[in-house]
Amino acid sequence: MFWKKWSDRPWYSLTIAGCIIVLVLAVLLNLGSIFHVIRVILGYFKPVFIAIVMAYVVNQLSVLYQKTVFRKVKKYKYRNICGIAL
């Protein structure tokens, strides 16, 4: 009996279920604190998210200008520079 695996013991599943219940209860009781921590962490990354969105929008406008306004410029490098500058 001493050398049996833990999962073969009769009380193993009850212990795991009890631990899960205690963990869920602890999370539910501290839900406000958990949301506060998540809000603080997202607050630190808010400028990064805004910069990513702005870069995406500016890139799309740059590509649009390259294809429409500066389409007669022969070299892609100059079209790219003019599209980004505009």
PDB file of N, CA and C in Angstrom:
ATOM      1  N   MET A   1       0.822  -1.189   0.000  1.00  0.00           N
ATOM      2  CA  MET A   1       0.000   0.000   0.000  1.00  0.00           C
ATOM      3  C   MET A   1       0.864   1.250   0.000  1.00  0.00           C
ATOM      4  N   PHE A   2       2.023   1.201   0.661  1.00  0.00           N
ATOM      5  CA  PHE A   2       2.873   2.375   0.755  1.00  0.00           C
ATOM      6  C   PHE A   2       3.431   2.777  -0.608  1.00  0.00           C
ATOM      7  N   TRP A   3       3.657   1.814  -1.483  1.00  0.00           N
ATOM      8  CA  TRP A   3       4.282   2.095  -2.758  1.00  0.00           C
ATOM      9  C   TRP A   3       3.277   2.385  -3.869  1.00  0.00           C
ATOM     10  N   LYS A   4       2.007   2.460  -3.568  1.00  0.00           N
ATOM     11  CA  LYS A   4       1.007   2.784  -4.586  1.00  0.00           C
ATOM     12  C   LYS A   4       1.205   4.223  -5.075  1.00  0.00           C
ATOM     13  N   LYS A   5       0.801   4.448  -6.306  1.00  0.00           N
ATOM     14  CA  LYS A   5       0.848   5.810  -6.812  1.00  0.00           C
ATOM     15  C   LYS A   5      -0.216   6.644  -6.101  1.00  0.00           C
ATOM     16  N   TRP A   6       0.017   7.950  -6.033  1.00  0.00           N
ATOM     17  CA  TRP A   6      -0.938   8.824  -5.351  1.00  0.00           C
ATOM     18  C   TRP A   6      -2.313   8.764  -6.016  1.00  0.00           C
ATOM     19  N   SER A   7      -2.349   8.689  -7.338  1.00  0.00           N
ATOM     20  CA  SER A   7      -3.634   8.697  -8.028  1.00  0.00           C
ATOM     21  C   SER A   7      -4.438   7.422  -7.815  1.00  0.00           C
ATOM     22  N   ASP A   8      -3.815   6.381  -7.309  1.00  0.00           N
ATOM     23  CA  ASP A   8      -4.538   5.136  -7.045  1.00  0.00           C
ATOM     24  C   ASP A   8      -5.193   5.116  -5.661  1.00  0.00           C
ATOM     25  N   ARG A   9      -4.861   6.054  -4.828  1.00  0.00           N
ATOM     26  CA  ARG A   9      -5.419   6.078  -3.463  1.00  0.00           C
ATOM     27  C   ARG A   9      -6.869   6.541  -3.505  1.00  0.00           C
ATOM     28  N   PRO A  10      -7.718   6.055  -2.585  1.00  0.00           N
ATOM     29  CA  PRO A  10      -9.148   6.369  -2.641  1.00  0.00           C
ATOM     30  C   PRO A  10      -9.473   7.832  -2.335  1.00  0.00           C
ATOM     31  N   TRP A  11      -8.670   8.528  -1.589  1.00  0.00           N
ATOM     32  CA  TRP A  11      -8.975   9.904  -1.204  1.00  0.00           C
ATOM     33  C   TRP A  11      -8.372  10.932  -2.149  1.00  0.00           C
ATOM     34  N   TYR A  12      -7.661  10.495  -3.176  1.00  0.00           N
ATOM     35  CA  TYR A  12      -6.959  11.403  -4.086  1.00  0.00           C
ATOM     36  C   TYR A  12      -7.929  12.328  -4.818  1.00  0.00           C
ATOM     37  N   SER A  13      -8.982  11.778  -5.411  1.00  0.00           N
ATOM     38  CA  SER A  13      -9.922  12.597  -6.186  1.00  0.00           C
ATOM     39  C   SER A  13     -10.668  13.571  -5.288  1.00  0.00           C
ATOM     40  N   LEU A  14     -10.991  13.164  -4.064  1.00  0.00           N
ATOM     41  CA  LEU A  14     -11.663  14.072  -3.139  1.00  0.00           C
ATOM     42  C   LEU A  14     -10.745  15.221  -2.720  1.00  0.00           C
ATOM     43  N   THR A  15      -9.482  14.948  -2.561  1.00  0.00           N
ATOM     44  CA  THR A  15      -8.525  15.997  -2.202  1.00  0.00           C
ATOM     45  C   THR A  15      -8.379  17.010  -3.328  1.00  0.00           C
ATOM     46  N   ILE A  16      -8.281  16.517  -4.544  1.00  0.00           N
ATOM     47  CA  ILE A  16      -8.172  17.421  -5.700  1.00  0.00           C
ATOM     48  C   ILE A  16      -9.436  18.270  -5.832  1.00  0.00           C
ATOM     49  N   ALA A  17     -10.606  17.672  -5.690  1.00  0.00           N
ATOM     50  CA  ALA A  17     -11.870  18.416  -5.773  1.00  0.00           C
ATOM     51  C   ALA A  17     -11.951  19.460  -4.664  1.00  0.00           C
ATOM     52  N   GLY A  18     -11.526  19.098  -3.458  1.00  0.00           N
ATOM     53  CA  GLY A  18     -11.540  20.062  -2.353  1.00  0.00           C
ATOM     54  C   GLY A  18     -10.610  21.236  -2.606  1.00  0.00           C
ATOM     55  N   CYS A  19      -9.436  20.970  -3.147  1.00  0.00           N
ATOM     56  CA  CYS A  19      -8.491  22.049  -3.463  1.00  0.00           C
ATOM     57  C   CYS A  19      -9.055  22.979  -4.536  1.00  0.00           C
ATOM     58  N   ILE A  20      -9.703  22.413  -5.530  1.00  0.00           N
ATOM     59  CA  ILE A  20     -10.305  23.235  -6.585  1.00  0.00           C
ATOM     60  C   ILE A  20     -11.423  24.099  -6.016  1.00  0.00           C
ATOM     61  N   ILE A  21     -12.231  23.541  -5.135  1.00  0.00           N
ATOM     62  CA  ILE A  21     -13.320  24.314  -4.522  1.00  0.00           C
ATOM     63  C   ILE A  21     -12.761  25.462  -3.693  1.00  0.00           C
ATOM     64  N   VAL A  22     -11.720  25.209  -2.918  1.00  0.00           N
ATOM     65  CA  VAL A  22     -11.106  26.269  -2.105  1.00  0.00           C
ATOM     66  C   VAL A  22     -10.501  27.344  -3.001  1.00  0.00           C
ATOM     67  N   LEU A  23      -9.864  26.951  -4.081  1.00  0.00           N
ATOM     68  CA  LEU A  23      -9.267  27.908  -5.007  1.00  0.00           C
ATOM     69  C   LEU A  23     -10.331  28.784  -5.663  1.00  0.00           C
ATOM     70  N   VAL A  24     -11.433  28.179  -6.112  1.00  0.00           N
ATOM     71  CA  VAL A  24     -12.519  28.950  -6.732  1.00  0.00           C
ATOM     72  C   VAL A  24     -13.131  29.909  -5.720  1.00  0.00           C
ATOM     73  N   LEU A  25     -13.327  29.469  -4.499  1.00  0.00           N
ATOM     74  CA  LEU A  25     -13.879  30.321  -3.450  1.00  0.00           C
ATOM     75  C   LEU A  25     -12.949  31.496  -3.162  1.00  0.00           C
ATOM     76  N   ALA A  26     -11.642  31.245  -3.090  1.00  0.00           N
ATOM     77  CA  ALA A  26     -10.684  32.320  -2.837  1.00  0.00           C
ATOM     78  C   ALA A  26     -10.694  33.342  -3.973  1.00  0.00           C
ATOM     79  N   VAL A  27     -10.808  32.866  -5.196  1.00  0.00           N
ATOM     80  CA  VAL A  27     -10.861  33.788  -6.342  1.00  0.00           C
ATOM     81  C   VAL A  27     -12.136  34.610  -6.292  1.00  0.00           C
ATOM     82  N   LEU A  28     -13.261  33.995  -5.993  1.00  0.00           N
ATOM     83  CA  LEU A  28     -14.527  34.722  -5.949  1.00  0.00           C
ATOM     84  C   LEU A  28     -14.562  35.748  -4.817  1.00  0.00           C
ATOM     85  N   LEU A  29     -13.964  35.434  -3.692  1.00  0.00           N
ATOM     86  CA  LEU A  29     -13.958  36.372  -2.573  1.00  0.00           C
ATOM     87  C   LEU A  29     -13.027  37.560  -2.823  1.00  0.00           C
ATOM     88  N   ASN A  30     -12.015  37.375  -3.632  1.00  0.00           N
ATOM     89  CA  ASN A  30     -11.056  38.442  -3.915  1.00  0.00           C
ATOM     90  C   ASN A  30     -11.177  38.969  -5.334  1.00  0.00           C
ATOM     91  N   LEU A  31     -12.351  38.878  -5.909  1.00  0.00           N
ATOM     92  CA  LEU A  31     -12.556  39.278  -7.300  1.00  0.00           C
ATOM     93  C   LEU A  31     -12.281  40.766  -7.515  1.00  0.00           C
ATOM     94  N   GLY A  32     -12.673  41.607  -6.565  1.00  0.00           N
ATOM     95  CA  GLY A  32     -12.427  43.045  -6.695  1.00  0.00           C
ATOM     96  C   GLY A  32     -10.945  43.358  -6.750  1.00  0.00           C
ATOM     97  N   SER A  33     -10.173  42.702  -5.904  1.00  0.00           N
ATOM     98  CA  SER A  33      -8.724  42.921  -5.898  1.00  0.00           C
ATOM     99  C   SER A  33      -8.088  42.426  -7.187  1.00  0.00           C
ATOM    100  N   ILE A  34      -8.562  41.319  -7.694  1.00  0.00           N
ATOM    101  CA  ILE A  34      -8.018  40.766  -8.945  1.00  0.00           C
ATOM    102  C   ILE A  34      -8.297  41.714 -10.102  1.00  0.00           C
ATOM    103  N   PHE A  35      -9.524  42.255 -10.167  1.00  0.00           N
ATOM    104  CA  PHE A  35      -9.848  43.208 -11.230  1.00  0.00           C
ATOM    105  C   PHE A  35      -9.031  44.487 -11.095  1.00  0.00           C
ATOM    106  N   HIS A  36      -8.765  44.907  -9.871  1.00  0.00           N
ATOM    107  CA  HIS A  36      -7.948  46.104  -9.659  1.00  0.00           C
ATOM    108  C   HIS A  36      -6.528  45.889 -10.180  1.00  0.00           C
ATOM    109  N   VAL A  37      -5.954  44.750  -9.898  1.00  0.00           N
ATOM    110  CA  VAL A  37      -4.603  44.443 -10.380  1.00  0.00           C
ATOM    111  C   VAL A  37      -4.578  44.392 -11.901  1.00  0.00           C
ATOM    112  N   ILE A  38      -5.589  43.769 -12.506  1.00  0.00           N
ATOM    113  CA  ILE A  38      -5.667  43.707 -13.968  1.00  0.00           C
ATOM    114  C   ILE A  38      -5.792  45.107 -14.554  1.00  0.00           C
ATOM    115  N   ARG A  39      -6.609  45.966 -13.914  1.00  0.00           N
ATOM    116  CA  ARG A  39      -6.795  47.333 -14.388  1.00  0.00           C
ATOM    117  C   ARG A  39      -5.481  48.116 -14.298  1.00  0.00           C
ATOM    118  N   VAL A  40      -4.721  47.934 -13.237  1.00  0.00           N
ATOM    119  CA  VAL A  40      -3.445  48.628 -13.086  1.00  0.00           C
ATOM    120  C   VAL A  40      -2.449  48.152 -14.145  1.00  0.00           C
ATOM    121  N   ILE A  41      -2.384  46.855 -14.371  1.00  0.00           N
ATOM    122  CA  ILE A  41      -1.450  46.314 -15.371  1.00  0.00           C
ATOM    123  C   ILE A  41      -1.821  46.812 -16.766  1.00  0.00           C
ATOM    124  N   LEU A  42      -3.104  46.802 -17.091  1.00  0.00           N
ATOM    125  CA  LEU A  42      -3.523  47.300 -18.408  1.00  0.00           C
ATOM    126  C   LEU A  42      -3.282  48.802 -18.522  1.00  0.00           C
ATOM    127  N   GLY A  43      -3.354  49.525 -17.405  1.00  0.00           N
ATOM    128  CA  GLY A  43      -3.074  50.953 -17.417  1.00  0.00           C
ATOM    129  C   GLY A  43      -1.637  51.244 -17.807  1.00  0.00           C
ATOM    130  N   TYR A  44      -0.719  50.373 -17.407  1.00  0.00           N
ATOM    131  CA  TYR A  44       0.678  50.548 -17.787  1.00  0.00           C
ATOM    132  C   TYR A  44       0.886  50.329 -19.278  1.00  0.00           C
ATOM    133  N   PHE A  45       0.127  49.428 -19.869  1.00  0.00           N
ATOM    134  CA  PHE A  45       0.295  49.102 -21.279  1.00  0.00           C
ATOM    135  C   PHE A  45      -0.635  49.888 -22.196  1.00  0.00           C
ATOM    136  N   LYS A  46      -1.460  50.757 -21.650  1.00  0.00           N
ATOM    137  CA  LYS A  46      -2.396  51.536 -22.463  1.00  0.00           C
ATOM    138  C   LYS A  46      -1.681  52.377 -23.528  1.00  0.00           C
ATOM    139  N   PRO A  47      -0.584  53.089 -23.198  1.00  0.00           N
ATOM    140  CA  PRO A  47       0.106  53.838 -24.257  1.00  0.00           C
ATOM    141  C   PRO A  47       0.644  52.944 -25.375  1.00  0.00           C
ATOM    142  N   VAL A  48       1.056  51.745 -25.027  1.00  0.00           N
ATOM    143  CA  VAL A  48       1.564  50.821 -26.052  1.00  0.00           C
ATOM    144  C   VAL A  48       0.430  50.402 -26.985  1.00  0.00           C
ATOM    145  N   PHE A  49      -0.744  50.085 -26.428  1.00  0.00           N
ATOM    146  CA  PHE A  49      -1.883  49.708 -27.255  1.00  0.00           C
ATOM    147  C   PHE A  49      -2.309  50.852 -28.170  1.00  0.00           C
ATOM    148  N   ILE A  50      -2.331  52.072 -27.638  1.00  0.00           N
ATOM    149  CA  ILE A  50      -2.706  53.240 -28.449  1.00  0.00           C
ATOM    150  C   ILE A  50      -1.695  53.445 -29.569  1.00  0.00           C
ATOM    151  N   ALA A  51      -0.400  53.278 -29.273  1.00  0.00           N
ATOM    152  CA  ALA A  51       0.632  53.447 -30.296  1.00  0.00           C
ATOM    153  C   ALA A  51       0.505  52.395 -31.399  1.00  0.00           C
ATOM    154  N   ILE A  52       0.154  51.171 -31.023  1.00  0.00           N
ATOM    155  CA  ILE A  52      -0.022  50.111 -32.026  1.00  0.00           C
ATOM    156  C   ILE A  52      -1.179  50.447 -32.956  1.00  0.00           C
ATOM    157  N   VAL A  53      -2.291  50.920 -32.402  1.00  0.00           N
ATOM    158  CA  VAL A  53      -3.451  51.287 -33.224  1.00  0.00           C
ATOM    159  C   VAL A  53      -3.105  52.458 -34.135  1.00  0.00           C
ATOM    160  N   MET A  54      -2.425  53.463 -33.588  1.00  0.00           N
ATOM    161  CA  MET A  54      -2.053  54.620 -34.409  1.00  0.00           C
ATOM    162  C   MET A  54      -1.101  54.217 -35.531  1.00  0.00           C
ATOM    163  N   ALA A  55      -0.137  53.348 -35.249  1.00  0.00           N
ATOM    164  CA  ALA A  55       0.797  52.903 -36.282  1.00  0.00           C
ATOM    165  C   ALA A  55       0.066  52.147 -37.385  1.00  0.00           C
ATOM    166  N   TYR A  56      -0.915  51.337 -37.006  1.00  0.00           N
ATOM    167  CA  TYR A  56      -1.687  50.598 -38.005  1.00  0.00           C
ATOM    168  C   TYR A  56      -2.453  51.557 -38.910  1.00  0.00           C
ATOM    169  N   VAL A  57      -3.108  52.544 -38.320  1.00  0.00           N
ATOM    170  CA  VAL A  57      -3.900  53.499 -39.111  1.00  0.00           C
ATOM    171  C   VAL A  57      -2.991  54.324 -40.012  1.00  0.00           C
ATOM    172  N   VAL A  58      -1.878  54.812 -39.487  1.00  0.00           N
ATOM    173  CA  VAL A  58      -0.958  55.615 -40.289  1.00  0.00           C
ATOM    174  C   VAL A  58      -0.362  54.793 -41.421  1.00  0.00           C
ATOM    175  N   ASN A  59      -0.067  53.537 -41.164  1.00  0.00           N
ATOM    176  CA  ASN A  59       0.478  52.674 -42.216  1.00  0.00           C
ATOM    177  C   ASN A  59      -0.544  52.486 -43.337  1.00  0.00           C
ATOM    178  N   GLN A  60      -1.803  52.289 -42.988  1.00  0.00           N
ATOM    179  CA  GLN A  60      -2.828  52.122 -44.023  1.00  0.00           C
ATOM    180  C   GLN A  60      -2.984  53.396 -44.853  1.00  0.00           C
ATOM    181  N   LEU A  61      -2.942  54.552 -44.193  1.00  0.00           N
ATOM    182  CA  LEU A  61      -3.020  55.813 -44.936  1.00  0.00           C
ATOM    183  C   LEU A  61      -1.796  55.999 -45.824  1.00  0.00           C
ATOM    184  N   SER A  62      -0.635  55.620 -45.334  1.00  0.00           N
ATOM    185  CA  SER A  62       0.591  55.736 -46.123  1.00  0.00           C
ATOM    186  C   SER A  62       0.511  54.875 -47.377  1.00  0.00           C
ATOM    187  N   VAL A  63       0.041  53.664 -47.237  1.00  0.00           N
ATOM    188  CA  VAL A  63      -0.102  52.775 -48.393  1.00  0.00           C
ATOM    189  C   VAL A  63      -1.128  53.343 -49.377  1.00  0.00           C
ATOM    190  N   LEU A  64      -2.211  53.897 -48.873  1.00  0.00           N
ATOM    191  CA  LEU A  64      -3.218  54.505 -49.741  1.00  0.00           C
ATOM    192  C   LEU A  64      -2.631  55.670 -50.529  1.00  0.00           C
ATOM    193  N   TYR A  65      -1.860  56.531 -49.855  1.00  0.00           N
ATOM    194  CA  TYR A  65      -1.227  57.658 -50.546  1.00  0.00           C
ATOM    195  C   TYR A  65      -0.210  57.181 -51.570  1.00  0.00           C
ATOM    196  N   GLN A  66       0.524  56.127 -51.256  1.00  0.00           N
ATOM    197  CA  GLN A  66       1.504  55.604 -52.197  1.00  0.00           C
ATOM    198  C   GLN A  66       0.829  55.092 -53.464  1.00  0.00           C
ATOM    199  N   LYS A  67      -0.324  54.452 -53.306  1.00  0.00           N
ATOM    200  CA  LYS A  67      -1.005  53.856 -54.456  1.00  0.00           C
ATOM    201  C   LYS A  67      -1.802  54.867 -55.268  1.00  0.00           C
ATOM    202  N   THR A  68      -2.242  55.955 -54.641  1.00  0.00           N
ATOM    203  CA  THR A  68      -3.085  56.909 -55.363  1.00  0.00           C
ATOM    204  C   THR A  68      -2.358  58.200 -55.693  1.00  0.00           C
ATOM    205  N   VAL A  69      -1.868  58.900 -54.702  1.00  0.00           N
ATOM    206  CA  VAL A  69      -1.301  60.232 -54.912  1.00  0.00           C
ATOM    207  C   VAL A  69       0.070  60.150 -55.574  1.00  0.00           C
ATOM    208  N   PHE A  70       0.914  59.247 -55.093  1.00  0.00           N
ATOM    209  CA  PHE A  70       2.290  59.183 -55.578  1.00  0.00           C
ATOM    210  C   PHE A  70       2.532  57.993 -56.508  1.00  0.00           C
ATOM    211  N   ARG A  71       1.531  57.592 -57.249  1.00  0.00           N
ATOM    212  CA  ARG A  71       1.689  56.412 -58.099  1.00  0.00           C
ATOM    213  C   ARG A  71       2.600  56.666 -59.296  1.00  0.00           C
ATOM    214  N   LYS A  72       2.780  57.935 -59.660  1.00  0.00           N
ATOM    215  CA  LYS A  72       3.619  58.231 -60.834  1.00  0.00           C
ATOM    216  C   LYS A  72       5.098  58.316 -60.497  1.00  0.00           C
ATOM    217  N   VAL A  73       5.423  58.301 -59.211  1.00  0.00           N
ATOM    218  CA  VAL A  73       6.837  58.300 -58.830  1.00  0.00           C
ATOM    219  C   VAL A  73       7.386  56.904 -59.114  1.00  0.00           C
ATOM    220  N   LYS A  74       8.510  56.844 -59.828  1.00  0.00           N
ATOM    221  CA  LYS A  74       9.019  55.563 -60.310  1.00  0.00           C
ATOM    222  C   LYS A  74       9.570  54.673 -59.198  1.00  0.00           C
ATOM    223  N   LYS A  75      10.410  55.215 -58.334  1.00  0.00           N
ATOM    224  CA  LYS A  75      11.067  54.389 -57.328  1.00  0.00           C
ATOM    225  C   LYS A  75      10.177  54.231 -56.100  1.00  0.00           C
ATOM    226  N   TYR A  76      10.118  52.992 -55.641  1.00  0.00           N
ATOM    227  CA  TYR A  76       9.292  52.677 -54.468  1.00  0.00           C
ATOM    228  C   TYR A  76       9.809  53.402 -53.232  1.00  0.00           C
ATOM    229  N   LYS A  77      11.120  53.542 -53.138  1.00  0.00           N
ATOM    230  CA  LYS A  77      11.708  54.176 -51.962  1.00  0.00           C
ATOM    231  C   LYS A  77      11.209  55.618 -51.820  1.00  0.00           C
ATOM    232  N   TYR A  78      11.166  56.350 -52.907  1.00  0.00           N
ATOM    233  CA  TYR A  78      10.718  57.752 -52.864  1.00  0.00           C
ATOM    234  C   TYR A  78       9.207  57.836 -52.624  1.00  0.00           C
ATOM    235  N   ARG A  79       8.465  56.895 -53.228  1.00  0.00           N
ATOM    236  CA  ARG A  79       7.007  56.849 -52.970  1.00  0.00           C
ATOM    237  C   ARG A  79       6.731  56.591 -51.499  1.00  0.00           C
ATOM    238  N   ASN A  80       7.495  55.679 -50.922  1.00  0.00           N
ATOM    239  CA  ASN A  80       7.324  55.334 -49.514  1.00  0.00           C
ATOM    240  C   ASN A  80       7.621  56.540 -48.624  1.00  0.00           C
ATOM    241  N   ILE A  81       8.717  57.232 -48.905  1.00  0.00           N
ATOM    242  CA  ILE A  81       9.090  58.401 -48.108  1.00  0.00           C
ATOM    243  C   ILE A  81       8.033  59.492 -48.224  1.00  0.00           C
ATOM    244  N   CYS A  82       7.540  59.732 -49.429  1.00  0.00           N
ATOM    245  CA  CYS A  82       6.526  60.776 -49.618  1.00  0.00           C
ATOM    246  C   CYS A  82       5.209  60.387 -48.949  1.00  0.00           C
ATOM    247  N   GLY A  83       4.830  59.122 -49.029  1.00  0.00           N
ATOM    248  CA  GLY A  83       3.596  58.674 -48.395  1.00  0.00           C
ATOM    249  C   GLY A  83       3.658  58.785 -46.891  1.00  0.00           C
ATOM    250  N   ILE A  84       4.797  58.454 -46.309  1.00  0.00           N
ATOM    251  CA  ILE A  84       4.939  58.563 -44.848  1.00  0.00           C
ATOM    252  C   ILE A  84       4.975  60.030 -44.432  1.00  0.00           C
ATOM    253  N   ALA A  85       5.652  60.861 -45.215  1.00  0.00           N
ATOM    254  CA  ALA A  85       5.736  62.289 -44.863  1.00  0.00           C
ATOM    255  C   ALA A  85       4.375  62.958 -44.925  1.00  0.00           C
ATOM    256  N   LEU A  86       3.550  62.555 -45.867  1.00  0.00           N
ATOM    257  CA  LEU A  86       2.228  63.166 -45.993  1.00  0.00           C
ATOM    258  C   LEU A  86       1.336  62.693 -44.862  1.00  0.00           C
TER     259      LEU A  86
END
